[in-house]
Amino acid sequence: TVLAALTMLETRGLVLDALGRYRPAGALVASAGRR
């Protein structure tokens, strides 16, 4: 279930897989900066 959610978020450009560790991307970067 988590992998499916990550796949959908990658498709939307909101997360990025960096060597097995997921990081915020696109619009989610702004949220990451605040949180």
ModelCIF file with pLDDT and N, C-alpha, C, O atoms, coordinates in Angstrom:
data_MODEL
#
_entry.id   MODEL 
#
_entity.id                         1 
_entity.type                       polymer 
_entity.pdbx_number_of_molecules   1 
#
_entity_poly.entity_id                      1 
_entity_poly.type                           'polypeptide(L)' 
_entity_poly.nstd_linkage                   no 
_entity_poly.nstd_monomer                   no 
_entity_poly.pdbx_seq_one_letter_code       TVLAALTMLETRGLVLDALGRYRPAGALVASAGRR 
_entity_poly.pdbx_seq_one_letter_code_can   TVLAALTMLETRGLVLDALGRYRPAGALVASAGRR 
_entity_poly.pdbx_strand_id                 A 
#
loop_
_entity_poly_seq.entity_id 
_entity_poly_seq.num 
_entity_poly_seq.mon_id 
_entity_poly_seq.hetero 
1 1  THR n 
1 2  VAL n 
1 3  LEU n 
1 4  ALA n 
1 5  ALA n 
1 6  LEU n 
1 7  THR n 
1 8  MET n 
1 9  LEU n 
1 10 GLU n 
1 11 THR n 
1 12 ARG n 
1 13 GLY n 
1 14 LEU n 
1 15 VAL n 
1 16 LEU n 
1 17 ASP n 
1 18 ALA n 
1 19 LEU n 
1 20 GLY n 
1 21 ARG n 
1 22 TYR n 
1 23 ARG n 
1 24 PRO n 
1 25 ALA n 
1 26 GLY n 
1 27 ALA n 
1 28 LEU n 
1 29 VAL n 
1 30 ALA n 
1 31 SER n 
1 32 ALA n 
1 33 GLY n 
1 34 ARG n 
1 35 ARG n 
#
_struct_asym.id          A 
_struct_asym.entity_id   1 
#
loop_
_ma_qa_metric.id 
_ma_qa_metric.mode 
_ma_qa_metric.name 
_ma_qa_metric.software_group_id 
_ma_qa_metric.type 
1 global pLDDT . pLDDT 
2 local  pLDDT . pLDDT 
#
_ma_qa_metric_global.metric_id      1 
_ma_qa_metric_global.metric_value   73.86 
_ma_qa_metric_global.model_id       1 
_ma_qa_metric_global.ordinal_id     1 
#
loop_
_ma_qa_metric_local.label_asym_id 
_ma_qa_metric_local.label_comp_id 
_ma_qa_metric_local.label_seq_id 
_ma_qa_metric_local.metric_id 
_ma_qa_metric_local.metric_value 
_ma_qa_metric_local.model_id 
_ma_qa_metric_local.ordinal_id 
A THR 1  2 82.00 1 1  
A VAL 2  2 85.00 1 2  
A LEU 3  2 84.00 1 3  
A ALA 4  2 79.00 1 4  
A ALA 5  2 83.00 1 5  
A LEU 6  2 86.00 1 6  
A THR 7  2 79.00 1 7  
A MET 8  2 77.00 1 8  
A LEU 9  2 82.00 1 9  
A GLU 10 2 79.00 1 10 
A THR 11 2 70.00 1 11 
A ARG 12 2 72.00 1 12 
A GLY 13 2 74.00 1 13 
A LEU 14 2 81.00 1 14 
A VAL 15 2 84.00 1 15 
A LEU 16 2 82.00 1 16 
A ASP 17 2 80.00 1 17 
A ALA 18 2 75.00 1 18 
A LEU 19 2 74.00 1 19 
A GLY 20 2 77.00 1 20 
A ARG 21 2 86.00 1 21 
A TYR 22 2 89.00 1 22 
A ARG 23 2 84.00 1 23 
A PRO 24 2 82.00 1 24 
A ALA 25 2 78.00 1 25 
A GLY 26 2 71.00 1 26 
A ALA 27 2 69.00 1 27 
A LEU 28 2 74.00 1 28 
A VAL 29 2 67.00 1 29 
A ALA 30 2 56.00 1 30 
A SER 31 2 54.00 1 31 
A ALA 32 2 55.00 1 32 
A GLY 33 2 47.00 1 33 
A ARG 34 2 45.00 1 34 
A ARG 35 2 43.00 1 35 
#
loop_
_atom_site.group_PDB 
_atom_site.id 
_atom_site.type_symbol 
_atom_site.label_atom_id 
_atom_site.label_alt_id 
_atom_site.label_comp_id 
_atom_site.label_asym_id 
_atom_site.label_entity_id 
_atom_site.label_seq_id 
_atom_site.pdbx_PDB_ins_code 
_atom_site.Cartn_x 
_atom_site.Cartn_y 
_atom_site.Cartn_z 
_atom_site.occupancy 
_atom_site.B_iso_or_equiv 
_atom_site.pdbx_formal_charge 
_atom_site.auth_seq_id 
_atom_site.auth_comp_id 
_atom_site.auth_asym_id 
_atom_site.auth_atom_id 
_atom_site.pdbx_PDB_model_num 
ATOM 1   N N  . THR A 1 1  ? 0.830  -1.213 0.000   1.00 82.00 ? 1  THR A N  1 
ATOM 2   C CA . THR A 1 1  ? 0.000  0.000  0.000   1.00 82.00 ? 1  THR A CA 1 
ATOM 3   C C  . THR A 1 1  ? 0.857  1.252  0.000   1.00 82.00 ? 1  THR A C  1 
ATOM 4   O O  . THR A 1 1  ? 0.566  2.212  -0.714  1.00 82.00 ? 1  THR A O  1 
ATOM 5   N N  . VAL A 1 2  ? 1.915  1.242  0.803   1.00 85.00 ? 2  VAL A N  1 
ATOM 6   C CA . VAL A 1 2  ? 2.825  2.392  0.851   1.00 85.00 ? 2  VAL A CA 1 
ATOM 7   C C  . VAL A 1 2  ? 3.533  2.566  -0.491  1.00 85.00 ? 2  VAL A C  1 
ATOM 8   O O  . VAL A 1 2  ? 3.662  3.686  -0.983  1.00 85.00 ? 2  VAL A O  1 
ATOM 9   N N  . LEU A 1 3  ? 3.995  1.455  -1.089  1.00 84.00 ? 3  LEU A N  1 
ATOM 10  C CA . LEU A 1 3  ? 4.667  1.541  -2.379  1.00 84.00 ? 3  LEU A CA 1 
ATOM 11  C C  . LEU A 1 3  ? 3.731  2.070  -3.460  1.00 84.00 ? 3  LEU A C  1 
ATOM 12  O O  . LEU A 1 3  ? 4.147  2.849  -4.318  1.00 84.00 ? 3  LEU A O  1 
ATOM 13  N N  . ALA A 1 4  ? 2.478  1.651  -3.420  1.00 79.00 ? 4  ALA A N  1 
ATOM 14  C CA . ALA A 1 4  ? 1.500  2.138  -4.398  1.00 79.00 ? 4  ALA A CA 1 
ATOM 15  C C  . ALA A 1 4  ? 1.288  3.645  -4.244  1.00 79.00 ? 4  ALA A C  1 
ATOM 16  O O  . ALA A 1 4  ? 1.175  4.369  -5.233  1.00 79.00 ? 4  ALA A O  1 
ATOM 17  N N  . ALA A 1 5  ? 1.236  4.108  -2.996  1.00 83.00 ? 5  ALA A N  1 
ATOM 18  C CA . ALA A 1 5  ? 1.051  5.541  -2.743  1.00 83.00 ? 5  ALA A CA 1 
ATOM 19  C C  . ALA A 1 5  ? 2.272  6.328  -3.234  1.00 83.00 ? 5  ALA A C  1 
ATOM 20  O O  . ALA A 1 5  ? 2.128  7.404  -3.815  1.00 83.00 ? 5  ALA A O  1 
ATOM 21  N N  . LEU A 1 6  ? 3.471  5.789  -2.999  1.00 86.00 ? 6  LEU A N  1 
ATOM 22  C CA . LEU A 1 6  ? 4.685  6.454  -3.455  1.00 86.00 ? 6  LEU A CA 1 
ATOM 23  C C  . LEU A 1 6  ? 4.745  6.532  -4.984  1.00 86.00 ? 6  LEU A C  1 
ATOM 24  O O  . LEU A 1 6  ? 5.189  7.528  -5.556  1.00 86.00 ? 6  LEU A O  1 
ATOM 25  N N  . THR A 1 7  ? 4.287  5.459  -5.626  1.00 79.00 ? 7  THR A N  1 
ATOM 26  C CA . THR A 1 7  ? 4.263  5.453  -7.089  1.00 79.00 ? 7  THR A CA 1 
ATOM 27  C C  . THR A 1 7  ? 3.340  6.541  -7.616  1.00 79.00 ? 7  THR A C  1 
ATOM 28  O O  . THR A 1 7  ? 3.694  7.251  -8.558  1.00 79.00 ? 7  THR A O  1 
ATOM 29  N N  . MET A 1 8  ? 2.168  6.678  -7.023  1.00 77.00 ? 8  MET A N  1 
ATOM 30  C CA . MET A 1 8  ? 1.222  7.709  -7.446  1.00 77.00 ? 8  MET A CA 1 
ATOM 31  C C  . MET A 1 8  ? 1.795  9.101  -7.200  1.00 77.00 ? 8  MET A C  1 
ATOM 32  O O  . MET A 1 8  ? 1.622  9.995  -8.029  1.00 77.00 ? 8  MET A O  1 
ATOM 33  N N  . LEU A 1 9  ? 2.472  9.293  -6.073  1.00 82.00 ? 9  LEU A N  1 
ATOM 34  C CA . LEU A 1 9  ? 3.063  10.597 -5.767  1.00 82.00 ? 9  LEU A CA 1 
ATOM 35  C C  . LEU A 1 9  ? 4.201  10.922 -6.723  1.00 82.00 ? 9  LEU A C  1 
ATOM 36  O O  . LEU A 1 9  ? 4.379  12.076 -7.113  1.00 82.00 ? 9  LEU A O  1 
ATOM 37  N N  . GLU A 1 10 ? 4.982  9.894  -7.107  1.00 79.00 ? 10 GLU A N  1 
ATOM 38  C CA . GLU A 1 10 ? 6.036  10.108 -8.102  1.00 79.00 ? 10 GLU A CA 1 
ATOM 39  C C  . GLU A 1 10 ? 5.431  10.518 -9.436  1.00 79.00 ? 10 GLU A C  1 
ATOM 40  O O  . GLU A 1 10 ? 5.944  11.407 -10.116 1.00 79.00 ? 10 GLU A O  1 
ATOM 41  N N  . THR A 1 11 ? 4.337  9.862  -9.800  1.00 70.00 ? 11 THR A N  1 
ATOM 42  C CA . THR A 1 11 ? 3.664  10.189 -11.056 1.00 70.00 ? 11 THR A CA 1 
ATOM 43  C C  . THR A 1 11 ? 3.169  11.629 -11.052 1.00 70.00 ? 11 THR A C  1 
ATOM 44  O O  . THR A 1 11 ? 3.195  12.295 -12.086 1.00 70.00 ? 11 THR A O  1 
ATOM 45  N N  . ARG A 1 12 ? 2.723  12.109 -9.912  1.00 72.00 ? 12 ARG A N  1 
ATOM 46  C CA . ARG A 1 12 ? 2.249  13.489 -9.784  1.00 72.00 ? 12 ARG A CA 1 
ATOM 47  C C  . ARG A 1 12 ? 3.402  14.482 -9.643  1.00 72.00 ? 12 ARG A C  1 
ATOM 48  O O  . ARG A 1 12 ? 3.177  15.692 -9.615  1.00 72.00 ? 12 ARG A O  1 
ATOM 49  N N  . GLY A 1 13 ? 4.640  13.975 -9.554  1.00 74.00 ? 13 GLY A N  1 
ATOM 50  C CA . GLY A 1 13 ? 5.799  14.858 -9.426  1.00 74.00 ? 13 GLY A CA 1 
ATOM 51  C C  . GLY A 1 13 ? 5.981  15.426 -8.038  1.00 74.00 ? 13 GLY A C  1 
ATOM 52  O O  . GLY A 1 13 ? 6.595  16.480 -7.873  1.00 74.00 ? 13 GLY A O  1 
ATOM 53  N N  . LEU A 1 14 ? 5.446  14.730 -7.017  1.00 81.00 ? 14 LEU A N  1 
ATOM 54  C CA . LEU A 1 14 ? 5.492  15.259 -5.656  1.00 81.00 ? 14 LEU A CA 1 
ATOM 55  C C  . LEU A 1 14 ? 6.588  14.631 -4.802  1.00 81.00 ? 14 LEU A C  1 
ATOM 56  O O  . LEU A 1 14 ? 7.002  15.219 -3.803  1.00 81.00 ? 14 LEU A O  1 
ATOM 57  N N  . VAL A 1 15 ? 7.065  13.447 -5.181  1.00 84.00 ? 15 VAL A N  1 
ATOM 58  C CA . VAL A 1 15 ? 8.184  12.837 -4.470  1.00 84.00 ? 15 VAL A CA 1 
ATOM 59  C C  . VAL A 1 15 ? 9.183  12.317 -5.495  1.00 84.00 ? 15 VAL A C  1 
ATOM 60  O O  . VAL A 1 15 ? 8.847  12.087 -6.657  1.00 84.00 ? 15 VAL A O  1 
ATOM 61  N N  . LEU A 1 16 ? 10.416 12.138 -5.036  1.00 82.00 ? 16 LEU A N  1 
ATOM 62  C CA . LEU A 1 16 ? 11.490 11.678 -5.900  1.00 82.00 ? 16 LEU A CA 1 
ATOM 63  C C  . LEU A 1 16 ? 12.272 10.600 -5.165  1.00 82.00 ? 16 LEU A C  1 
ATOM 64  O O  . LEU A 1 16 ? 12.651 10.774 -4.007  1.00 82.00 ? 16 LEU A O  1 
ATOM 65  N N  . ASP A 1 17 ? 12.511 9.473  -5.853  1.00 80.00 ? 17 ASP A N  1 
ATOM 66  C CA . ASP A 1 17 ? 13.286 8.380  -5.278  1.00 80.00 ? 17 ASP A CA 1 
ATOM 67  C C  . ASP A 1 17 ? 14.769 8.652  -5.499  1.00 80.00 ? 17 ASP A C  1 
ATOM 68  O O  . ASP A 1 17 ? 15.242 8.633  -6.635  1.00 80.00 ? 17 ASP A O  1 
ATOM 69  N N  . ALA A 1 18 ? 15.494 8.901  -4.431  1.00 75.00 ? 18 ALA A N  1 
ATOM 70  C CA . ALA A 1 18 ? 16.929 9.179  -4.501  1.00 75.00 ? 18 ALA A CA 1 
ATOM 71  C C  . ALA A 1 18 ? 17.679 8.051  -3.797  1.00 75.00 ? 18 ALA A C  1 
ATOM 72  O O  . ALA A 1 18 ? 17.919 8.112  -2.591  1.00 75.00 ? 18 ALA A O  1 
ATOM 73  N N  . LEU A 1 19 ? 18.049 7.013  -4.567  1.00 74.00 ? 19 LEU A N  1 
ATOM 74  C CA . LEU A 1 19 ? 18.813 5.875  -4.047  1.00 74.00 ? 19 LEU A CA 1 
ATOM 75  C C  . LEU A 1 19 ? 18.100 5.207  -2.878  1.00 74.00 ? 19 LEU A C  1 
ATOM 76  O O  . LEU A 1 19 ? 18.706 4.905  -1.850  1.00 74.00 ? 19 LEU A O  1 
ATOM 77  N N  . GLY A 1 20 ? 16.804 4.984  -3.056  1.00 77.00 ? 20 GLY A N  1 
ATOM 78  C CA . GLY A 1 20 ? 16.041 4.270  -2.038  1.00 77.00 ? 20 GLY A CA 1 
ATOM 79  C C  . GLY A 1 20 ? 15.476 5.147  -0.939  1.00 77.00 ? 20 GLY A C  1 
ATOM 80  O O  . GLY A 1 20 ? 14.777 4.658  -0.052  1.00 77.00 ? 20 GLY A O  1 
ATOM 81  N N  . ARG A 1 21 ? 15.767 6.421  -0.986  1.00 86.00 ? 21 ARG A N  1 
ATOM 82  C CA . ARG A 1 21 ? 15.200 7.340  0.003   1.00 86.00 ? 21 ARG A CA 1 
ATOM 83  C C  . ARG A 1 21 ? 14.349 8.365  -0.731  1.00 86.00 ? 21 ARG A C  1 
ATOM 84  O O  . ARG A 1 21 ? 14.802 8.993  -1.688  1.00 86.00 ? 21 ARG A O  1 
ATOM 85  N N  . TYR A 1 22 ? 13.120 8.527  -0.278  1.00 89.00 ? 22 TYR A N  1 
ATOM 86  C CA . TYR A 1 22 ? 12.182 9.418  -0.965  1.00 89.00 ? 22 TYR A CA 1 
ATOM 87  C C  . TYR A 1 22 ? 12.273 10.825 -0.396  1.00 89.00 ? 22 TYR A C  1 
ATOM 88  O O  . TYR A 1 22 ? 12.311 11.036 0.816   1.00 89.00 ? 22 TYR A O  1 
ATOM 89  N N  . ARG A 1 23 ? 12.305 11.787 -1.329  1.00 84.00 ? 23 ARG A N  1 
ATOM 90  C CA . ARG A 1 23 ? 12.396 13.191 -0.934  1.00 84.00 ? 23 ARG A CA 1 
ATOM 91  C C  . ARG A 1 23 ? 11.287 13.971 -1.605  1.00 84.00 ? 23 ARG A C  1 
ATOM 92  O O  . ARG A 1 23 ? 10.818 13.583 -2.675  1.00 84.00 ? 23 ARG A O  1 
ATOM 93  N N  . PRO A 1 24 ? 10.854 15.075 -0.988  1.00 82.00 ? 24 PRO A N  1 
ATOM 94  C CA . PRO A 1 24 ? 9.787  15.881 -1.608  1.00 82.00 ? 24 PRO A CA 1 
ATOM 95  C C  . PRO A 1 24 ? 10.256 16.511 -2.907  1.00 82.00 ? 24 PRO A C  1 
ATOM 96  O O  . PRO A 1 24 ? 11.435 16.831 -3.059  1.00 82.00 ? 24 PRO A O  1 
ATOM 97  N N  . ALA A 1 25 ? 9.338  16.686 -3.838  1.00 78.00 ? 25 ALA A N  1 
ATOM 98  C CA . ALA A 1 25 ? 9.642  17.321 -5.122  1.00 78.00 ? 25 ALA A CA 1 
ATOM 99  C C  . ALA A 1 25 ? 8.473  18.215 -5.502  1.00 78.00 ? 25 ALA A C  1 
ATOM 100 O O  . ALA A 1 25 ? 7.401  18.142 -4.900  1.00 78.00 ? 25 ALA A O  1 
ATOM 101 N N  . GLY A 1 26 ? 8.688  19.066 -6.514  1.00 71.00 ? 26 GLY A N  1 
ATOM 102 C CA . GLY A 1 26 ? 7.612  19.917 -7.019  1.00 71.00 ? 26 GLY A CA 1 
ATOM 103 C C  . GLY A 1 26 ? 6.965  20.741 -5.923  1.00 71.00 ? 26 GLY A C  1 
ATOM 104 O O  . GLY A 1 26 ? 7.651  21.359 -5.108  1.00 71.00 ? 26 GLY A O  1 
ATOM 105 N N  . ALA A 1 27 ? 5.636  20.746 -5.909  1.00 69.00 ? 27 ALA A N  1 
ATOM 106 C CA . ALA A 1 27 ? 4.898  21.558 -4.944  1.00 69.00 ? 27 ALA A CA 1 
ATOM 107 C C  . ALA A 1 27 ? 5.133  21.121 -3.511  1.00 69.00 ? 27 ALA A C  1 
ATOM 108 O O  . ALA A 1 27 ? 4.997  21.925 -2.588  1.00 69.00 ? 27 ALA A O  1 
ATOM 109 N N  . LEU A 1 28 ? 5.487  19.842 -3.311  1.00 74.00 ? 28 LEU A N  1 
ATOM 110 C CA . LEU A 1 28 ? 5.691  19.341 -1.950  1.00 74.00 ? 28 LEU A CA 1 
ATOM 111 C C  . LEU A 1 28 ? 6.961  19.896 -1.318  1.00 74.00 ? 28 LEU A C  1 
ATOM 112 O O  . LEU A 1 28 ? 7.109  19.858 -0.097  1.00 74.00 ? 28 LEU A O  1 
ATOM 113 N N  . VAL A 1 29 ? 7.887  20.416 -2.140  1.00 67.00 ? 29 VAL A N  1 
ATOM 114 C CA . VAL A 1 29 ? 9.107  21.010 -1.597  1.00 67.00 ? 29 VAL A CA 1 
ATOM 115 C C  . VAL A 1 29 ? 8.777  22.176 -0.694  1.00 67.00 ? 29 VAL A C  1 
ATOM 116 O O  . VAL A 1 29 ? 9.403  22.353 0.351   1.00 67.00 ? 29 VAL A O  1 
ATOM 117 N N  . ALA A 1 30 ? 7.788  22.982 -1.093  1.00 56.00 ? 30 ALA A N  1 
ATOM 118 C CA . ALA A 1 30 ? 7.387  24.125 -0.277  1.00 56.00 ? 30 ALA A CA 1 
ATOM 119 C C  . ALA A 1 30 ? 6.911  23.671 1.086   1.00 56.00 ? 30 ALA A C  1 
ATOM 120 O O  . ALA A 1 30 ? 7.252  24.272 2.105   1.00 56.00 ? 30 ALA A O  1 
ATOM 121 N N  . SER A 1 31 ? 6.114  22.599 1.103   1.00 54.00 ? 31 SER A N  1 
ATOM 122 C CA . SER A 1 31 ? 5.633  22.068 2.365   1.00 54.00 ? 31 SER A CA 1 
ATOM 123 C C  . SER A 1 31 ? 6.779  21.541 3.203   1.00 54.00 ? 31 SER A C  1 
ATOM 124 O O  . SER A 1 31 ? 6.805  21.722 4.420   1.00 54.00 ? 31 SER A O  1 
ATOM 125 N N  . ALA A 1 32 ? 7.735  20.883 2.539   1.00 55.00 ? 32 ALA A N  1 
ATOM 126 C CA . ALA A 1 32 ? 8.890  20.342 3.260   1.00 55.00 ? 32 ALA A CA 1 
ATOM 127 C C  . ALA A 1 32 ? 9.672  21.450 3.933   1.00 55.00 ? 32 ALA A C  1 
ATOM 128 O O  . ALA A 1 32 ? 10.125 21.299 5.067   1.00 55.00 ? 32 ALA A O  1 
ATOM 129 N N  . GLY A 1 33 ? 9.833  22.577 3.226   1.00 47.00 ? 33 GLY A N  1 
ATOM 130 C CA . GLY A 1 33 ? 10.585 23.685 3.785   1.00 47.00 ? 33 GLY A CA 1 
ATOM 131 C C  . GLY A 1 33 ? 9.957  24.223 5.049   1.00 47.00 ? 33 GLY A C  1 
ATOM 132 O O  . GLY A 1 33 ? 10.653 24.624 5.982   1.00 47.00 ? 33 GLY A O  1 
ATOM 133 N N  . ARG A 1 34 ? 8.597  24.228 5.075   1.00 45.00 ? 34 ARG A N  1 
ATOM 134 C CA . ARG A 1 34 ? 7.926  24.754 6.268   1.00 45.00 ? 34 ARG A CA 1 
ATOM 135 C C  . ARG A 1 34 ? 7.900  23.752 7.406   1.00 45.00 ? 34 ARG A C  1 
ATOM 136 O O  . ARG A 1 34 ? 7.985  24.134 8.573   1.00 45.00 ? 34 ARG A O  1 
ATOM 137 N N  . ARG A 1 35 ? 7.779  22.439 7.067   1.00 43.00 ? 35 ARG A N  1 
ATOM 138 C CA . ARG A 1 35 ? 7.564  21.449 8.111   1.00 43.00 ? 35 ARG A CA 1 
ATOM 139 C C  . ARG A 1 35 ? 8.844  21.025 8.808   1.00 43.00 ? 35 ARG A C  1 
ATOM 140 O O  . ARG A 1 35 ? 8.807  20.192 9.714   1.00 43.00 ? 35 ARG A O  1 
#
